[in-house]
Amino acid sequence: MRLTGRVAIVTGASRGIGEAIARWLAAEGAAVAVAARTEEVRDKRLPGTIHSVAAAIREVGGTALPIRTDVRNPDDLAACVQRTVAELGRIDIVVNNAAILIPGTLATVQPRHVDLIWQIDLRAPLLLMQAALPHLRAAGGGHILNISSRAAVSPGPGPYSGRRGGGAFYGMVKAGLERLSQGLAIELQDDGIAVNVLSPQGRIRTPGNVWAQNDPEHPDLDFEPADAMGAAALWMCTQPPARYTGRIEYDQDLCAREGLSTAMRPRA
């Protein structure tokens, strides 16, 4: 298996895209720190916890360490790195997946929401990368994968016939994450550390994605799997860092281009 002996941290890994990436990396031999806030289900619309994901990985022979991590808290990020190294021995891969989308327009957005999206979607990846950096260097290099969105793509010049407002704040932080990623790819290339970006091609009906539209009392739990993201993330984290860094990829495009199957194979 391509990632045997490697250790990965995946944030936002209690469900959805983060869970898929954690399971795909583990299926290829990586020991995975499953990092997220959720330790018990409090909202029926958001099934899944760090413990349920870690248990699912272990049930098929993988290695997983659930670590409660509020990425908004810098101390939690540092502690996640410290515990990963203490219990799993090293860090080779960091996947920054945890993110939120805030409501509102320029006229209605609340300052607390602006603080929240900046702290979770942009500051947290930066601080986790910084905390993990000495360990990635000690491992002789590795991979950082930042999860973005098509919201980061510039809409180009207007006027915008038929387009509605909204989404500017999410696009702002994801565009910032992509620019930061490519800047760090330049900065870290001599350390053998690849920094890349992966986004869904389109909307994936994960629990978090449809949360606001889902019935709180009788939720629709027929969610869409994020296996294209898992397959693409795995492929990206097995490429030679010296030759594959600073890339901005989209899951379905990458899977088609590289002929990747989105059916997870059993562990050997």
C-alpha atoms as a PDB file:
ATOM      1  CA  MET A   1       0.000   0.000   0.000  1.00  0.00           C
ATOM      2  CA  ARG A   2       1.278   3.400  -1.016  1.00  0.00           C
ATOM      3  CA  LEU A   3       0.903   5.145   2.344  1.00  0.00           C
ATOM      4  CA  THR A   4       2.078   2.417   4.704  1.00  0.00           C
ATOM      5  CA  GLY A   5       4.097   4.009   7.492  1.00  0.00           C
ATOM      6  CA  ARG A   6       2.731   7.495   6.780  1.00  0.00           C
ATOM      7  CA  VAL A   7       0.647   9.583   9.180  1.00  0.00           C
ATOM      8  CA  ALA A   8      -2.066  12.053   8.151  1.00  0.00           C
ATOM      9  CA  ILE A   9      -4.125  14.676   9.952  1.00  0.00           C
ATOM     10  CA  VAL A  10      -7.544  15.384   8.408  1.00  0.00           C
ATOM     11  CA  THR A  11      -9.670  18.194   9.855  1.00  0.00           C
ATOM     12  CA  GLY A  12     -13.447  18.270   9.632  1.00  0.00           C
ATOM     13  CA  ALA A  13     -13.255  14.482   9.421  1.00  0.00           C
ATOM     14  CA  SER A  14     -16.355  13.487  11.387  1.00  0.00           C
ATOM     15  CA  ARG A  15     -18.514  13.359   8.230  1.00  0.00           C
ATOM     16  CA  GLY A  16     -18.767  14.379   4.586  1.00  0.00           C
ATOM     17  CA  ILE A  17     -15.681  15.214   2.566  1.00  0.00           C
ATOM     18  CA  GLY A  18     -13.335  14.971   5.543  1.00  0.00           C
ATOM     19  CA  GLU A  19     -14.590  11.506   6.420  1.00  0.00           C
ATOM     20  CA  ALA A  20     -14.174  10.335   2.820  1.00  0.00           C
ATOM     21  CA  ILE A  21     -10.612  11.613   2.620  1.00  0.00           C
ATOM     22  CA  ALA A  22      -9.700  10.080   5.989  1.00  0.00           C
ATOM     23  CA  ARG A  23     -11.060   6.691   4.931  1.00  0.00           C
ATOM     24  CA  TRP A  24      -9.379   6.732   1.524  1.00  0.00           C
ATOM     25  CA  LEU A  25      -5.996   7.620   3.044  1.00  0.00           C
ATOM     26  CA  ALA A  26      -6.397   4.944   5.708  1.00  0.00           C
ATOM     27  CA  ALA A  27      -7.370   2.347   3.099  1.00  0.00           C
ATOM     28  CA  GLU A  28      -4.002   2.916   1.463  1.00  0.00           C
ATOM     29  CA  GLY A  29      -2.128   2.347   4.731  1.00  0.00           C
ATOM     30  CA  ALA A  30      -1.905   5.762   6.375  1.00  0.00           C
ATOM     31  CA  ALA A  31      -2.520   6.140  10.097  1.00  0.00           C
ATOM     32  CA  VAL A  32      -5.063   8.957  10.298  1.00  0.00           C
ATOM     33  CA  ALA A  33      -5.728  11.512  13.014  1.00  0.00           C
ATOM     34  CA  VAL A  34      -9.469  12.113  12.679  1.00  0.00           C
ATOM     35  CA  ALA A  35      -9.766  15.736  13.815  1.00  0.00           C
ATOM     36  CA  ALA A  36     -13.080  17.531  14.356  1.00  0.00           C
ATOM     37  CA  ARG A  37     -15.279  18.932  17.130  1.00  0.00           C
ATOM     38  CA  THR A  38     -18.044  16.336  17.126  1.00  0.00           C
ATOM     39  CA  GLU A  39     -17.793  13.615  19.762  1.00  0.00           C
ATOM     40  CA  GLU A  40     -21.520  12.888  19.977  1.00  0.00           C
ATOM     41  CA  VAL A  41     -24.411  13.525  17.622  1.00  0.00           C
ATOM     42  CA  ARG A  42     -26.487  16.478  18.860  1.00  0.00           C
ATOM     43  CA  ASP A  43     -28.259  17.320  15.603  1.00  0.00           C
ATOM     44  CA  LYS A  44     -29.987  14.569  13.619  1.00  0.00           C
ATOM     45  CA  ARG A  45     -29.071  16.396  10.424  1.00  0.00           C
ATOM     46  CA  LEU A  46     -25.360  15.933  11.193  1.00  0.00           C
ATOM     47  CA  PRO A  47     -24.701  12.240  11.814  1.00  0.00           C
ATOM     48  CA  GLY A  48     -21.150  11.098  12.421  1.00  0.00           C
ATOM     49  CA  THR A  49     -18.469  11.762  15.018  1.00  0.00           C
ATOM     50  CA  ILE A  50     -14.711  11.504  15.245  1.00  0.00           C
ATOM     51  CA  HIS A  51     -15.250   8.222  17.103  1.00  0.00           C
ATOM     52  CA  SER A  52     -17.590   6.691  14.523  1.00  0.00           C
ATOM     53  CA  VAL A  53     -15.197   7.528  11.682  1.00  0.00           C
ATOM     54  CA  ALA A  54     -12.190   6.180  13.579  1.00  0.00           C
ATOM     55  CA  ALA A  55     -14.143   3.020  14.399  1.00  0.00           C
ATOM     56  CA  ALA A  56     -15.101   2.517  10.739  1.00  0.00           C
ATOM     57  CA  ILE A  57     -11.448   2.790   9.731  1.00  0.00           C
ATOM     58  CA  ARG A  58     -10.359   0.329  12.412  1.00  0.00           C
ATOM     59  CA  GLU A  59     -13.098  -2.146  11.496  1.00  0.00           C
ATOM     60  CA  VAL A  60     -11.475  -2.695   8.097  1.00  0.00           C
ATOM     61  CA  GLY A  61      -7.967  -2.998   9.504  1.00  0.00           C
ATOM     62  CA  GLY A  62      -6.825   0.605   9.423  1.00  0.00           C
ATOM     63  CA  THR A  63      -5.305   2.837  12.068  1.00  0.00           C
ATOM     64  CA  ALA A  64      -7.158   5.925  13.261  1.00  0.00           C
ATOM     65  CA  LEU A  65      -6.853   8.280  16.203  1.00  0.00           C
ATOM     66  CA  PRO A  66      -9.883  10.460  17.027  1.00  0.00           C
ATOM     67  CA  ILE A  67      -8.807  13.893  18.297  1.00  0.00           C
ATOM     68  CA  ARG A  68     -11.379  16.454  19.366  1.00  0.00           C
ATOM     69  CA  THR A  69     -10.267  19.643  17.644  1.00  0.00           C
ATOM     70  CA  ASP A  70     -12.031  22.980  17.432  1.00  0.00           C
ATOM     71  CA  VAL A  71     -10.077  24.513  14.571  1.00  0.00           C
ATOM     72  CA  ARG A  72     -11.170  27.970  15.684  1.00  0.00           C
ATOM     73  CA  ASN A  73      -9.016  27.487  18.790  1.00  0.00           C
ATOM     74  CA  PRO A  74      -5.249  27.838  18.119  1.00  0.00           C
ATOM     75  CA  ASP A  75      -4.477  25.792  21.231  1.00  0.00           C
ATOM     76  CA  ASP A  76      -6.574  22.907  19.910  1.00  0.00           C
ATOM     77  CA  LEU A  77      -4.660  22.957  16.627  1.00  0.00           C
ATOM     78  CA  ALA A  78      -1.321  22.822  18.421  1.00  0.00           C
ATOM     79  CA  ALA A  79      -2.583  20.048  20.690  1.00  0.00           C
ATOM     80  CA  CYS A  80      -3.821  18.050  17.689  1.00  0.00           C
ATOM     81  CA  VAL A  81      -0.347  18.125  16.179  1.00  0.00           C
ATOM     82  CA  GLN A  82       1.308  17.247  19.485  1.00  0.00           C
ATOM     83  CA  ARG A  83      -0.993  14.316  20.156  1.00  0.00           C
ATOM     84  CA  THR A  84      -0.661  13.000  16.613  1.00  0.00           C
ATOM     85  CA  VAL A  85       3.109  12.919  16.916  1.00  0.00           C
ATOM     86  CA  ALA A  86       2.996  11.509  20.460  1.00  0.00           C
ATOM     87  CA  GLU A  87       0.658   8.637  19.565  1.00  0.00           C
ATOM     88  CA  LEU A  88       1.289   8.012  15.862  1.00  0.00           C
ATOM     89  CA  GLY A  89       4.957   8.978  15.731  1.00  0.00           C
ATOM     90  CA  ARG A  90       5.197  11.517  12.905  1.00  0.00           C
ATOM     91  CA  ILE A  91       3.285  13.665  10.402  1.00  0.00           C
ATOM     92  CA  ASP A  92       3.529  13.224   6.638  1.00  0.00           C
ATOM     93  CA  ILE A  93       0.194  14.592   5.373  1.00  0.00           C
ATOM     94  CA  VAL A  94      -1.996  17.487   6.513  1.00  0.00           C
ATOM     95  CA  VAL A  95      -5.470  17.904   5.010  1.00  0.00           C
ATOM     96  CA  ASN A  96      -7.222  21.161   5.874  1.00  0.00           C
ATOM     97  CA  ASN A  97     -10.863  20.371   5.195  1.00  0.00           C
ATOM     98  CA  ALA A  98     -12.863  21.964   8.040  1.00  0.00           C
ATOM     99  CA  ALA A  99     -14.829  24.991   6.838  1.00  0.00           C
ATOM    100  CA  ILE A 100     -18.084  26.878   7.261  1.00  0.00           C
ATOM    101  CA  LEU A 101     -20.249  29.020   5.033  1.00  0.00           C
ATOM    102  CA  ILE A 102     -21.889  32.047   6.636  1.00  0.00           C
ATOM    103  CA  PRO A 103     -25.223  33.590   5.640  1.00  0.00           C
ATOM    104  CA  GLY A 104     -25.978  37.074   4.505  1.00  0.00           C
ATOM    105  CA  THR A 105     -25.009  39.813   2.113  1.00  0.00           C
ATOM    106  CA  LEU A 106     -22.914  42.933   2.579  1.00  0.00           C
ATOM    107  CA  ALA A 107     -25.994  44.683   3.945  1.00  0.00           C
ATOM    108  CA  THR A 108     -26.865  41.967   6.473  1.00  0.00           C
ATOM    109  CA  VAL A 109     -23.694  40.117   7.492  1.00  0.00           C
ATOM    110  CA  GLN A 110     -22.816  40.256  11.169  1.00  0.00           C
ATOM    111  CA  PRO A 111     -19.267  41.048  12.371  1.00  0.00           C
ATOM    112  CA  ARG A 112     -19.237  37.830  14.422  1.00  0.00           C
ATOM    113  CA  HIS A 113     -19.918  35.841  11.252  1.00  0.00           C
ATOM    114  CA  VAL A 114     -17.046  37.543   9.448  1.00  0.00           C
ATOM    115  CA  ASP A 115     -14.752  36.670  12.356  1.00  0.00           C
ATOM    116  CA  LEU A 116     -16.006  33.079  12.332  1.00  0.00           C
ATOM    117  CA  ILE A 117     -15.456  32.376   8.631  1.00  0.00           C
ATOM    118  CA  TRP A 118     -12.014  33.958   8.647  1.00  0.00           C
ATOM    119  CA  GLN A 119     -10.938  32.059  11.749  1.00  0.00           C
ATOM    120  CA  ILE A 120     -12.187  28.657  10.586  1.00  0.00           C
ATOM    121  CA  ASP A 121     -11.701  28.759   6.818  1.00  0.00           C
ATOM    122  CA  LEU A 122      -8.400  30.624   6.541  1.00  0.00           C
ATOM    123  CA  ARG A 123      -6.647  31.217   9.851  1.00  0.00           C
ATOM    124  CA  ALA A 124      -7.073  27.611  11.014  1.00  0.00           C
ATOM    125  CA  PRO A 125      -5.397  26.064   7.933  1.00  0.00           C
ATOM    126  CA  LEU A 126      -2.542  28.543   8.247  1.00  0.00           C
ATOM    127  CA  LEU A 127      -1.981  27.763  11.944  1.00  0.00           C
ATOM    128  CA  LEU A 128      -2.240  23.996  11.465  1.00  0.00           C
ATOM    129  CA  MET A 129       0.280  24.104   8.628  1.00  0.00           C
ATOM    130  CA  GLN A 130       2.597  26.172  10.813  1.00  0.00           C
ATOM    131  CA  ALA A 131       2.287  23.775  13.774  1.00  0.00           C
ATOM    132  CA  ALA A 132       2.865  20.733  11.571  1.00  0.00           C
ATOM    133  CA  LEU A 133       5.775  22.218   9.625  1.00  0.00           C
ATOM    134  CA  PRO A 134       8.626  21.088  11.930  1.00  0.00           C
ATOM    135  CA  HIS A 135       7.268  17.536  11.858  1.00  0.00           C
ATOM    136  CA  LEU A 136       6.850  17.493   8.080  1.00  0.00           C
ATOM    137  CA  ARG A 137      10.445  18.644   7.807  1.00  0.00           C
ATOM    138  CA  ALA A 138      11.554  15.995  10.302  1.00  0.00           C
ATOM    139  CA  ALA A 139       9.789  13.355   8.183  1.00  0.00           C
ATOM    140  CA  GLY A 140      11.830  14.447   5.174  1.00  0.00           C
ATOM    141  CA  GLY A 141       8.949  16.185   3.432  1.00  0.00           C
ATOM    142  CA  GLY A 142       5.326  15.449   2.789  1.00  0.00           C
ATOM    143  CA  HIS A 143       2.028  16.803   1.557  1.00  0.00           C
ATOM    144  CA  ILE A 144      -0.304  19.595   2.562  1.00  0.00           C
ATOM    145  CA  LEU A 145      -3.706  19.475   0.889  1.00  0.00           C
ATOM    146  CA  ASN A 146      -6.100  22.386   1.338  1.00  0.00           C
ATOM    147  CA  ILE A 147      -9.749  21.833   0.448  1.00  0.00           C
ATOM    148  CA  SER A 148     -11.297  24.721  -1.455  1.00  0.00           C
ATOM    149  CA  SER A 149     -14.379  25.386  -3.574  1.00  0.00           C
ATOM    150  CA  ARG A 150     -15.432  26.677  -6.965  1.00  0.00           C
ATOM    151  CA  ALA A 151     -16.574  29.722  -5.007  1.00  0.00           C
ATOM    152  CA  ALA A 152     -12.916  30.785  -5.136  1.00  0.00           C
ATOM    153  CA  VAL A 153     -13.038  31.180  -8.924  1.00  0.00           C
ATOM    154  CA  SER A 154     -13.360  34.822  -9.967  1.00  0.00           C
ATOM    155  CA  PRO A 155     -16.675  35.593 -11.687  1.00  0.00           C
ATOM    156  CA  GLY A 156     -14.868  37.989 -14.036  1.00  0.00           C
ATOM    157  CA  PRO A 157     -16.055  41.455 -14.992  1.00  0.00           C
ATOM    158  CA  GLY A 158     -19.718  42.428 -14.917  1.00  0.00           C
ATOM    159  CA  PRO A 159     -22.460  43.237 -15.443  1.00  0.00           C
ATOM    160  CA  TYR A 160     -23.825  39.875 -14.259  1.00  0.00           C
ATOM    161  CA  SER A 161     -27.063  39.138 -16.057  1.00  0.00           C
ATOM    162  CA  GLY A 162     -29.143  36.525 -14.271  1.00  0.00           C
ATOM    163  CA  ARG A 163     -26.751  36.175 -11.336  1.00  0.00           C
ATOM    164  CA  ARG A 164     -27.800  36.735  -7.746  1.00  0.00           C
ATOM    165  CA  GLY A 165     -25.707  38.181  -4.967  1.00  0.00           C
ATOM    166  CA  GLY A 166     -24.443  36.215  -1.978  1.00  0.00           C
ATOM    167  CA  GLY A 167     -21.515  33.892  -1.498  1.00  0.00           C
ATOM    168  CA  ALA A 168     -18.949  36.676  -1.541  1.00  0.00           C
ATOM    169  CA  PHE A 169     -17.610  35.850   1.910  1.00  0.00           C
ATOM    170  CA  TYR A 170     -17.022  32.154   1.234  1.00  0.00           C
ATOM    171  CA  GLY A 171     -15.438  33.005  -2.106  1.00  0.00           C
ATOM    172  CA  MET A 172     -13.220  35.550  -0.345  1.00  0.00           C
ATOM    173  CA  VAL A 173     -11.718  33.096   2.145  1.00  0.00           C
ATOM    174  CA  LYS A 174     -11.401  30.229  -0.345  1.00  0.00           C
ATOM    175  CA  ALA A 175      -9.653  32.469  -2.864  1.00  0.00           C
ATOM    176  CA  GLY A 176      -7.347  33.533  -0.049  1.00  0.00           C
ATOM    177  CA  LEU A 177      -6.670  29.892   0.821  1.00  0.00           C
ATOM    178  CA  GLU A 178      -5.758  29.103  -2.785  1.00  0.00           C
ATOM    179  CA  ARG A 179      -3.398  32.081  -3.020  1.00  0.00           C
ATOM    180  CA  LEU A 180      -1.834  31.166   0.329  1.00  0.00           C
ATOM    181  CA  SER A 181      -1.393  27.565  -0.817  1.00  0.00           C
ATOM    182  CA  GLN A 182       0.506  28.495  -3.956  1.00  0.00           C
ATOM    183  CA  GLY A 183       2.640  30.986  -2.057  1.00  0.00           C
ATOM    184  CA  LEU A 184       3.539  28.301   0.477  1.00  0.00           C
ATOM    185  CA  ALA A 185       4.207  25.807  -2.305  1.00  0.00           C
ATOM    186  CA  ILE A 186       7.006  28.120  -3.431  1.00  0.00           C
ATOM    187  CA  GLU A 187       8.212  28.665   0.129  1.00  0.00           C
ATOM    188  CA  LEU A 188       8.308  24.971   1.059  1.00  0.00           C
ATOM    189  CA  GLN A 189       9.435  23.322  -2.164  1.00  0.00           C
ATOM    190  CA  ASP A 190      13.059  23.100  -1.014  1.00  0.00           C
ATOM    191  CA  ASP A 191      11.851  21.171   2.056  1.00  0.00           C
ATOM    192  CA  GLY A 192      10.217  18.544  -0.138  1.00  0.00           C
ATOM    193  CA  ILE A 193       6.760  19.606   1.071  1.00  0.00           C
ATOM    194  CA  ALA A 194       4.051  19.833  -1.573  1.00  0.00           C
ATOM    195  CA  VAL A 195       1.179  22.258  -1.011  1.00  0.00           C
ATOM    196  CA  ASN A 196      -1.841  21.662  -3.227  1.00  0.00           C
ATOM    197  CA  VAL A 197      -5.541  22.510  -3.413  1.00  0.00           C
ATOM    198  CA  LEU A 198      -8.495  20.242  -4.155  1.00  0.00           C
ATOM    199  CA  SER A 199     -12.114  21.307  -4.699  1.00  0.00           C
ATOM    200  CA  PRO A 200     -15.333  19.467  -5.494  1.00  0.00           C
ATOM    201  CA  GLN A 201     -16.339  19.828  -9.125  1.00  0.00           C
ATOM    202  CA  GLY A 202     -19.802  20.822  -7.968  1.00  0.00           C
ATOM    203  CA  ARG A 203     -22.086  20.547  -5.001  1.00  0.00           C
ATOM    204  CA  ILE A 204     -21.837  17.314  -3.001  1.00  0.00           C
ATOM    205  CA  ARG A 205     -24.906  16.612  -0.865  1.00  0.00           C
ATOM    206  CA  THR A 206     -23.006  15.981   2.354  1.00  0.00           C
ATOM    207  CA  PRO A 207     -24.631  16.515   5.773  1.00  0.00           C
ATOM    208  CA  GLY A 208     -23.007  19.914   6.173  1.00  0.00           C
ATOM    209  CA  ASN A 209     -23.813  21.034   2.656  1.00  0.00           C
ATOM    210  CA  VAL A 210     -27.560  20.432   2.971  1.00  0.00           C
ATOM    211  CA  TRP A 211     -27.872  21.150   6.692  1.00  0.00           C
ATOM    212  CA  ALA A 212     -29.745  24.437   6.331  1.00  0.00           C
ATOM    213  CA  GLN A 213     -32.328  22.912   3.961  1.00  0.00           C
ATOM    214  CA  ASN A 214     -32.785  19.669   5.898  1.00  0.00           C
ATOM    215  CA  ASP A 215     -35.747  19.094   8.229  1.00  0.00           C
ATOM    216  CA  PRO A 216     -34.428  19.246  11.821  1.00  0.00           C
ATOM    217  CA  GLU A 217     -36.972  16.720  13.095  1.00  0.00           C
ATOM    218  CA  HIS A 218     -37.220  14.371  10.119  1.00  0.00           C
ATOM    219  CA  PRO A 219     -34.019  14.886   8.138  1.00  0.00           C
ATOM    220  CA  ASP A 220     -33.294  13.256   4.818  1.00  0.00           C
ATOM    221  CA  LEU A 221     -30.223  11.133   5.553  1.00  0.00           C
ATOM    222  CA  ASP A 222     -29.700   9.995   1.967  1.00  0.00           C
ATOM    223  CA  PHE A 223     -26.444  11.884   1.562  1.00  0.00           C
ATOM    224  CA  GLU A 224     -24.143  11.819  -1.438  1.00  0.00           C
ATOM    225  CA  PRO A 225     -20.786  10.088  -0.893  1.00  0.00           C
ATOM    226  CA  ALA A 226     -17.662  12.160  -1.450  1.00  0.00           C
ATOM    227  CA  ASP A 227     -15.609   9.320  -2.896  1.00  0.00           C
ATOM    228  CA  ALA A 228     -14.360  11.352  -5.869  1.00  0.00           C
ATOM    229  CA  MET A 229     -12.806  13.733  -3.352  1.00  0.00           C
ATOM    230  CA  GLY A 230     -11.333  10.783  -1.473  1.00  0.00           C
ATOM    231  CA  ALA A 231      -9.848   9.200  -4.588  1.00  0.00           C
ATOM    232  CA  ALA A 232      -8.464  12.511  -5.824  1.00  0.00           C
ATOM    233  CA  ALA A 233      -6.984  13.403  -2.420  1.00  0.00           C
ATOM    234  CA  LEU A 234      -5.293  10.010  -2.182  1.00  0.00           C
ATOM    235  CA  TRP A 235      -3.763  10.381  -5.641  1.00  0.00           C
ATOM    236  CA  MET A 236      -2.506  13.891  -4.858  1.00  0.00           C
ATOM    237  CA  CYS A 237      -0.915  12.753  -1.589  1.00  0.00           C
ATOM    238  CA  THR A 238       1.029   9.998  -3.335  1.00  0.00           C
ATOM    239  CA  GLN A 239       2.662  12.175  -6.000  1.00  0.00           C
ATOM    240  CA  PRO A 240       6.356  13.195  -5.763  1.00  0.00           C
ATOM    241  CA  PRO A 241       6.363  16.557  -3.936  1.00  0.00           C
ATOM    242  CA  ALA A 242       9.251  17.853  -6.022  1.00  0.00           C
ATOM    243  CA  ARG A 243       7.216  17.506  -9.226  1.00  0.00           C
ATOM    244  CA  TYR A 244       3.659  17.995  -8.031  1.00  0.00           C
ATOM    245  CA  THR A 245       3.037  21.124  -5.986  1.00  0.00           C
ATOM    246  CA  GLY A 246       1.169  24.408  -6.280  1.00  0.00           C
ATOM    247  CA  ARG A 247      -1.716  22.710  -8.110  1.00  0.00           C
ATOM    248  CA  ILE A 248      -5.386  23.652  -7.940  1.00  0.00           C
ATOM    249  CA  GLU A 249      -7.427  20.598  -8.882  1.00  0.00           C
ATOM    250  CA  TYR A 250     -11.101  19.604  -9.113  1.00  0.00           C
ATOM    251  CA  ASP A 251     -12.118  16.114  -8.045  1.00  0.00           C
ATOM    252  CA  GLN A 252     -14.032  14.853 -11.060  1.00  0.00           C
ATOM    253  CA  ASP A 253     -11.635  16.421 -13.557  1.00  0.00           C
ATOM    254  CA  LEU A 254      -8.680  14.828 -11.791  1.00  0.00           C
ATOM    255  CA  CYS A 255     -10.313  11.410 -11.514  1.00  0.00           C
ATOM    256  CA  ALA A 256     -11.168  11.461 -15.224  1.00  0.00           C
ATOM    257  CA  ARG A 257      -7.736  12.702 -16.286  1.00  0.00           C
ATOM    258  CA  GLU A 258      -5.850  10.116 -14.220  1.00  0.00           C
ATOM    259  CA  GLY A 259      -8.320   7.264 -14.704  1.00  0.00           C
ATOM    260  CA  LEU A 260      -9.043   6.984 -10.970  1.00  0.00           C
ATOM    261  CA  SER A 261     -11.742   4.667  -9.701  1.00  0.00           C
ATOM    262  CA  THR A 262     -14.084   6.158  -7.108  1.00  0.00           C
ATOM    263  CA  ALA A 263     -14.870   2.725  -5.650  1.00  0.00           C
ATOM    264  CA  MET A 264     -12.751   2.226  -2.559  1.00  0.00           C
ATOM    265  CA  ARG A 265     -10.832  -1.020  -2.735  1.00  0.00           C
ATOM    266  CA  PRO A 266     -10.474  -3.250   0.354  1.00  0.00           C
ATOM    267  CA  ARG A 267      -7.237  -3.021   2.324  1.00  0.00           C
ATOM    268  CA  ALA A 268      -4.702  -5.578   1.215  1.00  0.00           C
END
